[in-house]
Amino acid sequence: MKIVTSESGSSLLITRSEWGRIGVRKGWLLASSHPLEIPFGGFPGRGGFGSWTEYELGAGLIGEALHCILGSLGKIWRGVSDFDLERGHIMEEVGLIDGALSEYARSLYWEELNDAGADAVRSRESMKRAAVGLTDDAGRVLGGLGDSDVERAARACAECALVLASAVLSDRDVFRHPGLFEAFSVLRSILEELFSPRAAGAG
């Protein structure tokens, strides 16, 4: 359980799972406004995406990986977890994003999302709603970061989320969007630099 305080000074006790969705989305002022002080940067699990279609599941895999990467970066930032442990977790999530970008670029998933069936319609609506929330979350994270190495990695993570959300909102195929591949490449490069032997030894 966590205590958050509103602008009026009143307090509210909420669960960890509610922290991101209520504490962040409804404008509560948390104990610290820095994004990495908030579990998972305030990003919802799976990026807020549902499971109406396989395509949406794929977008959710990327959203979940970004959620987890921000969570691990936050633990490093707060000094509450082992650097090597979080490095292994983060690079595993990078591999999951890589796999999702490859698998869900197959045309059958995009065709399924765009057919006339009820689940496809629900999935498109669900993805749009998630993308709006993800845009807000990513913008908040970007607006609160500084220039340390960990914050640079968190920024790259949030920028990936922004591109993902933008592709959804513009009705573009997320998994063939060159901007997402570019943003992911930047994220991976920054994370590899962060976890290089020199950087790890310096940390």
C-alpha atoms as a PDB file:
ATOM      1  CA  MET A   1       0.000   0.000   0.000  1.00  0.00           C
ATOM      2  CA  LYS A   2       1.130   3.565  -0.733  1.00  0.00           C
ATOM      3  CA  ILE A   3       0.017   6.976   0.503  1.00  0.00           C
ATOM      4  CA  VAL A   4      -0.377   9.741  -2.075  1.00  0.00           C
ATOM      5  CA  THR A   5      -1.299  13.349  -1.441  1.00  0.00           C
ATOM      6  CA  SER A   6      -3.526  15.504  -3.603  1.00  0.00           C
ATOM      7  CA  GLU A   7      -3.083  19.176  -4.374  1.00  0.00           C
ATOM      8  CA  SER A   8      -5.592  19.980  -1.632  1.00  0.00           C
ATOM      9  CA  GLY A   9      -3.425  18.220   0.934  1.00  0.00           C
ATOM     10  CA  SER A  10      -5.696  15.235   1.511  1.00  0.00           C
ATOM     11  CA  SER A  11      -4.202  11.739   1.546  1.00  0.00           C
ATOM     12  CA  LEU A  12      -5.328   8.470  -0.017  1.00  0.00           C
ATOM     13  CA  LEU A  13      -4.115   4.932   0.654  1.00  0.00           C
ATOM     14  CA  ILE A  14      -3.896   2.904  -2.544  1.00  0.00           C
ATOM     15  CA  THR A  15      -2.436  -0.435  -3.639  1.00  0.00           C
ATOM     16  CA  ARG A  16       0.740  -0.750  -5.664  1.00  0.00           C
ATOM     17  CA  SER A  17      -1.236  -1.829  -8.739  1.00  0.00           C
ATOM     18  CA  GLU A  18      -3.439   1.253  -8.466  1.00  0.00           C
ATOM     19  CA  TRP A  19      -0.488   3.609  -8.043  1.00  0.00           C
ATOM     20  CA  GLY A  20       0.208   3.989 -11.728  1.00  0.00           C
ATOM     21  CA  ARG A  21      -3.399   4.124 -12.885  1.00  0.00           C
ATOM     22  CA  ILE A  22      -4.817   6.324 -10.112  1.00  0.00           C
ATOM     23  CA  GLY A  23      -1.814   8.132  -8.666  1.00  0.00           C
ATOM     24  CA  VAL A  24      -0.442   9.187 -12.023  1.00  0.00           C
ATOM     25  CA  ARG A  25      -3.421   9.341 -14.376  1.00  0.00           C
ATOM     26  CA  LYS A  26      -5.709  11.223 -11.972  1.00  0.00           C
ATOM     27  CA  GLY A  27      -3.152  13.868 -11.051  1.00  0.00           C
ATOM     28  CA  TRP A  28      -2.229  12.873  -7.508  1.00  0.00           C
ATOM     29  CA  LEU A  29       1.097  14.246  -6.313  1.00  0.00           C
ATOM     30  CA  LEU A  30       3.283  11.324  -5.308  1.00  0.00           C
ATOM     31  CA  ALA A  31       6.026  11.405  -2.697  1.00  0.00           C
ATOM     32  CA  SER A  32       8.479  12.295  -5.463  1.00  0.00           C
ATOM     33  CA  SER A  33       7.677  13.758  -8.862  1.00  0.00           C
ATOM     34  CA  HIS A  34      10.720  12.166 -10.504  1.00  0.00           C
ATOM     35  CA  PRO A  35       9.530   9.469 -12.938  1.00  0.00           C
ATOM     36  CA  LEU A  36      12.072   6.886 -11.753  1.00  0.00           C
ATOM     37  CA  GLU A  37      10.832   7.231  -8.176  1.00  0.00           C
ATOM     38  CA  ILE A  38       7.466   5.853  -9.330  1.00  0.00           C
ATOM     39  CA  PRO A  39       7.241   2.056  -9.837  1.00  0.00           C
ATOM     40  CA  PHE A  40       7.561   1.260 -13.547  1.00  0.00           C
ATOM     41  CA  GLY A  41       7.675   4.997 -14.273  1.00  0.00           C
ATOM     42  CA  GLY A  42       3.897   4.925 -13.860  1.00  0.00           C
ATOM     43  CA  PHE A  43       3.544   2.938 -17.102  1.00  0.00           C
ATOM     44  CA  PRO A  44       0.659   0.428 -16.995  1.00  0.00           C
ATOM     45  CA  GLY A  45       1.328  -3.247 -17.558  1.00  0.00           C
ATOM     46  CA  ARG A  46       1.297  -4.209 -21.251  1.00  0.00           C
ATOM     47  CA  GLY A  47       1.246  -0.490 -22.048  1.00  0.00           C
ATOM     48  CA  GLY A  48      -2.487  -0.612 -21.371  1.00  0.00           C
ATOM     49  CA  PHE A  49      -3.137  -2.787 -24.437  1.00  0.00           C
ATOM     50  CA  GLY A  50      -5.723  -5.554 -24.320  1.00  0.00           C
ATOM     51  CA  SER A  51      -6.031  -8.950 -25.960  1.00  0.00           C
ATOM     52  CA  TRP A  52      -8.852  -8.734 -28.509  1.00  0.00           C
ATOM     53  CA  THR A  53      -6.565  -9.761 -31.386  1.00  0.00           C
ATOM     54  CA  GLU A  54      -3.148 -11.346 -31.799  1.00  0.00           C
ATOM     55  CA  TYR A  55      -1.944  -8.027 -33.195  1.00  0.00           C
ATOM     56  CA  GLU A  56      -2.969  -6.213 -30.013  1.00  0.00           C
ATOM     57  CA  LEU A  57      -1.252  -8.916 -27.977  1.00  0.00           C
ATOM     58  CA  GLY A  58       1.920  -8.134 -29.910  1.00  0.00           C
ATOM     59  CA  ALA A  59       1.645  -4.436 -29.133  1.00  0.00           C
ATOM     60  CA  GLY A  60       1.080  -5.412 -25.511  1.00  0.00           C
ATOM     61  CA  LEU A  61       4.289  -7.454 -25.498  1.00  0.00           C
ATOM     62  CA  ILE A  62       6.228  -4.327 -26.440  1.00  0.00           C
ATOM     63  CA  GLY A  63       4.274  -2.255 -23.923  1.00  0.00           C
ATOM     64  CA  GLU A  64       4.996  -4.783 -21.176  1.00  0.00           C
ATOM     65  CA  ALA A  65       8.691  -4.868 -22.023  1.00  0.00           C
ATOM     66  CA  LEU A  66       8.926  -1.055 -21.864  1.00  0.00           C
ATOM     67  CA  HIS A  67       6.993  -1.131 -18.569  1.00  0.00           C
ATOM     68  CA  CYS A  68       9.476  -3.659 -17.143  1.00  0.00           C
ATOM     69  CA  ILE A  69      12.556  -1.828 -18.443  1.00  0.00           C
ATOM     70  CA  LEU A  70      11.388   1.377 -16.756  1.00  0.00           C
ATOM     71  CA  GLY A  71      10.740  -0.608 -13.584  1.00  0.00           C
ATOM     72  CA  SER A  72      14.271  -1.985 -13.555  1.00  0.00           C
ATOM     73  CA  LEU A  73      15.821   1.386 -14.389  1.00  0.00           C
ATOM     74  CA  GLY A  74      13.877   2.826 -11.468  1.00  0.00           C
ATOM     75  CA  LYS A  75      15.320   0.204  -9.132  1.00  0.00           C
ATOM     76  CA  ILE A  76      18.835   1.063 -10.316  1.00  0.00           C
ATOM     77  CA  TRP A  77      18.088   4.780  -9.924  1.00  0.00           C
ATOM     78  CA  ARG A  78      16.798   4.288  -6.378  1.00  0.00           C
ATOM     79  CA  GLY A  79      19.631   1.914  -5.449  1.00  0.00           C
ATOM     80  CA  VAL A  80      17.254  -0.810  -4.279  1.00  0.00           C
ATOM     81  CA  SER A  81      18.377  -3.649  -6.547  1.00  0.00           C
ATOM     82  CA  ASP A  82      21.564  -5.241  -7.809  1.00  0.00           C
ATOM     83  CA  PHE A  83      22.940  -3.682 -10.994  1.00  0.00           C
ATOM     84  CA  ASP A  84      23.823  -7.037 -12.577  1.00  0.00           C
ATOM     85  CA  LEU A  85      20.418  -8.526 -11.753  1.00  0.00           C
ATOM     86  CA  GLU A  86      18.589  -5.642 -13.411  1.00  0.00           C
ATOM     87  CA  ARG A  87      20.940  -5.755 -16.393  1.00  0.00           C
ATOM     88  CA  GLY A  88      19.934  -9.357 -17.058  1.00  0.00           C
ATOM     89  CA  HIS A  89      16.252  -8.532 -16.723  1.00  0.00           C
ATOM     90  CA  ILE A  90      16.438  -5.472 -18.956  1.00  0.00           C
ATOM     91  CA  MET A  91      18.356  -7.202 -21.732  1.00  0.00           C
ATOM     92  CA  GLU A  92      15.851 -10.069 -21.633  1.00  0.00           C
ATOM     93  CA  GLU A  93      13.084  -7.504 -22.229  1.00  0.00           C
ATOM     94  CA  VAL A  94      15.085  -6.052 -25.126  1.00  0.00           C
ATOM     95  CA  GLY A  95      15.142  -9.530 -26.656  1.00  0.00           C
ATOM     96  CA  LEU A  96      11.360  -9.789 -26.247  1.00  0.00           C
ATOM     97  CA  ILE A  97      10.851  -6.511 -28.107  1.00  0.00           C
ATOM     98  CA  ASP A  98      13.150  -7.734 -30.864  1.00  0.00           C
ATOM     99  CA  GLY A  99      11.150 -10.945 -31.158  1.00  0.00           C
ATOM    100  CA  ALA A 100       7.803  -9.134 -31.194  1.00  0.00           C
ATOM    101  CA  LEU A 101       8.935  -6.754 -33.938  1.00  0.00           C
ATOM    102  CA  SER A 102       9.945  -9.737 -36.047  1.00  0.00           C
ATOM    103  CA  GLU A 103       6.957 -12.017 -35.415  1.00  0.00           C
ATOM    104  CA  TYR A 104       4.139  -9.488 -35.591  1.00  0.00           C
ATOM    105  CA  ALA A 105       5.424  -7.874 -38.766  1.00  0.00           C
ATOM    106  CA  ARG A 106       3.862 -10.847 -40.566  1.00  0.00           C
ATOM    107  CA  SER A 107       0.935  -9.615 -42.647  1.00  0.00           C
ATOM    108  CA  LEU A 108      -1.631 -12.054 -41.225  1.00  0.00           C
ATOM    109  CA  TYR A 109      -1.734 -10.165 -37.907  1.00  0.00           C
ATOM    110  CA  TRP A 110      -2.333  -6.782 -39.561  1.00  0.00           C
ATOM    111  CA  GLU A 111      -5.027  -8.334 -41.767  1.00  0.00           C
ATOM    112  CA  GLU A 112      -6.725  -9.843 -38.709  1.00  0.00           C
ATOM    113  CA  LEU A 113      -6.760  -6.441 -36.972  1.00  0.00           C
ATOM    114  CA  ASN A 114      -8.346  -4.785 -39.995  1.00  0.00           C
ATOM    115  CA  ASP A 115     -11.088  -7.256 -40.816  1.00  0.00           C
ATOM    116  CA  ALA A 116     -14.774  -6.523 -40.149  1.00  0.00           C
ATOM    117  CA  GLY A 117     -15.198  -8.913 -37.221  1.00  0.00           C
ATOM    118  CA  ALA A 118     -16.408  -7.731 -33.827  1.00  0.00           C
ATOM    119  CA  ASP A 119     -13.161  -8.608 -32.068  1.00  0.00           C
ATOM    120  CA  ALA A 120     -11.141  -6.640 -34.613  1.00  0.00           C
ATOM    121  CA  VAL A 121     -13.360  -3.594 -34.119  1.00  0.00           C
ATOM    122  CA  ARG A 122     -13.016  -3.886 -30.338  1.00  0.00           C
ATOM    123  CA  SER A 123      -9.265  -4.333 -30.685  1.00  0.00           C
ATOM    124  CA  ARG A 124      -8.848  -1.193 -32.781  1.00  0.00           C
ATOM    125  CA  GLU A 125     -10.865   0.792 -30.251  1.00  0.00           C
ATOM    126  CA  SER A 126      -8.963  -0.736 -27.339  1.00  0.00           C
ATOM    127  CA  MET A 127      -5.602   0.049 -28.933  1.00  0.00           C
ATOM    128  CA  LYS A 128      -6.568   3.672 -29.545  1.00  0.00           C
ATOM    129  CA  ARG A 129      -7.547   4.109 -25.901  1.00  0.00           C
ATOM    130  CA  ALA A 130      -4.309   2.532 -24.734  1.00  0.00           C
ATOM    131  CA  ALA A 131      -2.277   4.701 -27.104  1.00  0.00           C
ATOM    132  CA  VAL A 132      -3.808   7.893 -25.717  1.00  0.00           C
ATOM    133  CA  GLY A 133      -2.888   6.863 -22.176  1.00  0.00           C
ATOM    134  CA  LEU A 134       0.581   5.740 -23.235  1.00  0.00           C
ATOM    135  CA  THR A 135       1.184   9.093 -24.924  1.00  0.00           C
ATOM    136  CA  ASP A 136       0.323  10.865 -21.683  1.00  0.00           C
ATOM    137  CA  ASP A 137       2.508   8.556 -19.603  1.00  0.00           C
ATOM    138  CA  ALA A 138       5.497   8.860 -21.931  1.00  0.00           C
ATOM    139  CA  GLY A 139       5.192  12.632 -22.046  1.00  0.00           C
ATOM    140  CA  ARG A 140       5.156  12.813 -18.266  1.00  0.00           C
ATOM    141  CA  VAL A 141       8.251  10.626 -17.993  1.00  0.00           C
ATOM    142  CA  LEU A 142      10.108  12.652 -20.612  1.00  0.00           C
ATOM    143  CA  GLY A 143       9.236  15.889 -18.874  1.00  0.00           C
ATOM    144  CA  GLY A 144      10.747  14.802 -15.558  1.00  0.00           C
ATOM    145  CA  LEU A 145      14.113  13.324 -16.553  1.00  0.00           C
ATOM    146  CA  GLY A 146      17.603  14.739 -16.262  1.00  0.00           C
ATOM    147  CA  ASP A 147      20.812  13.822 -18.076  1.00  0.00           C
ATOM    148  CA  SER A 148      22.329  10.936 -16.101  1.00  0.00           C
ATOM    149  CA  ASP A 149      23.053   7.657 -17.892  1.00  0.00           C
ATOM    150  CA  VAL A 150      20.078   5.904 -16.291  1.00  0.00           C
ATOM    151  CA  GLU A 151      17.791   8.819 -17.143  1.00  0.00           C
ATOM    152  CA  ARG A 152      19.012   8.762 -20.765  1.00  0.00           C
ATOM    153  CA  ALA A 153      17.970   5.103 -20.929  1.00  0.00           C
ATOM    154  CA  ALA A 154      14.587   5.918 -19.399  1.00  0.00           C
ATOM    155  CA  ARG A 155      14.151   8.713 -21.945  1.00  0.00           C
ATOM    156  CA  ALA A 156      14.862   6.315 -24.825  1.00  0.00           C
ATOM    157  CA  CYS A 157      12.330   3.886 -23.360  1.00  0.00           C
ATOM    158  CA  ALA A 158       9.658   6.581 -23.165  1.00  0.00           C
ATOM    159  CA  GLU A 159      10.434   7.694 -26.715  1.00  0.00           C
ATOM    160  CA  CYS A 160       9.847   4.115 -27.912  1.00  0.00           C
ATOM    161  CA  ALA A 161       6.473   4.225 -26.193  1.00  0.00           C
ATOM    162  CA  LEU A 162       5.639   7.517 -27.888  1.00  0.00           C
ATOM    163  CA  VAL A 163       6.422   6.117 -31.329  1.00  0.00           C
ATOM    164  CA  LEU A 164       4.397   2.982 -30.577  1.00  0.00           C
ATOM    165  CA  ALA A 165       1.413   5.090 -29.503  1.00  0.00           C
ATOM    166  CA  SER A 166       1.773   7.445 -32.463  1.00  0.00           C
ATOM    167  CA  ALA A 167       1.732   4.543 -34.923  1.00  0.00           C
ATOM    168  CA  VAL A 168      -1.458   3.189 -33.349  1.00  0.00           C
ATOM    169  CA  LEU A 169      -3.206   6.561 -33.378  1.00  0.00           C
ATOM    170  CA  SER A 170      -2.289   7.169 -37.022  1.00  0.00           C
ATOM    171  CA  ASP A 171      -3.596   3.709 -38.059  1.00  0.00           C
ATOM    172  CA  ARG A 172      -0.148   2.628 -39.216  1.00  0.00           C
ATOM    173  CA  ASP A 173       1.185  -0.906 -38.906  1.00  0.00           C
ATOM    174  CA  VAL A 174       3.175  -0.687 -35.678  1.00  0.00           C
ATOM    175  CA  PHE A 175       5.443  -3.577 -36.579  1.00  0.00           C
ATOM    176  CA  ARG A 176       6.436  -2.093 -39.941  1.00  0.00           C
ATOM    177  CA  HIS A 177       6.839   1.454 -38.684  1.00  0.00           C
ATOM    178  CA  PRO A 178      10.456   2.549 -39.383  1.00  0.00           C
ATOM    179  CA  GLY A 179      10.284   5.065 -36.555  1.00  0.00           C
ATOM    180  CA  LEU A 180       9.726   2.297 -34.007  1.00  0.00           C
ATOM    181  CA  PHE A 181      12.675   0.301 -35.295  1.00  0.00           C
ATOM    182  CA  GLU A 182      14.837   3.421 -35.093  1.00  0.00           C
ATOM    183  CA  ALA A 183      13.658   4.283 -31.565  1.00  0.00           C
ATOM    184  CA  PHE A 184      14.224   0.698 -30.440  1.00  0.00           C
ATOM    185  CA  SER A 185      17.708   0.701 -31.958  1.00  0.00           C
ATOM    186  CA  VAL A 186      18.549   3.851 -29.991  1.00  0.00           C
ATOM    187  CA  LEU A 187      17.172   2.302 -26.797  1.00  0.00           C
ATOM    188  CA  ARG A 188      19.184  -0.878 -27.247  1.00  0.00           C
ATOM    189  CA  SER A 189      22.363   1.082 -27.972  1.00  0.00           C
ATOM    190  CA  ILE A 190      21.956   3.251 -24.860  1.00  0.00           C
ATOM    191  CA  LEU A 191      21.237   0.212 -22.683  1.00  0.00           C
ATOM    192  CA  GLU A 192      24.261  -1.657 -24.021  1.00  0.00           C
ATOM    193  CA  GLU A 193      26.406   1.390 -23.263  1.00  0.00           C
ATOM    194  CA  LEU A 194      24.888   1.665 -19.769  1.00  0.00           C
ATOM    195  CA  PHE A 195      25.666  -1.973 -19.051  1.00  0.00           C
ATOM    196  CA  SER A 196      29.116  -2.078 -20.622  1.00  0.00           C
ATOM    197  CA  PRO A 197      31.885  -3.383 -18.307  1.00  0.00           C
ATOM    198  CA  ARG A 198      33.328   0.125 -17.988  1.00  0.00           C
ATOM    199  CA  ALA A 199      29.974   1.637 -17.046  1.00  0.00           C
ATOM    200  CA  ALA A 200      29.114  -1.197 -14.673  1.00  0.00           C
ATOM    201  CA  GLY A 201      32.500  -0.893 -12.961  1.00  0.00           C
ATOM    202  CA  ALA A 202      32.088   2.859 -12.635  1.00  0.00           C
ATOM    203  CA  GLY A 203      28.602   2.440 -11.113  1.00  0.00           C
END
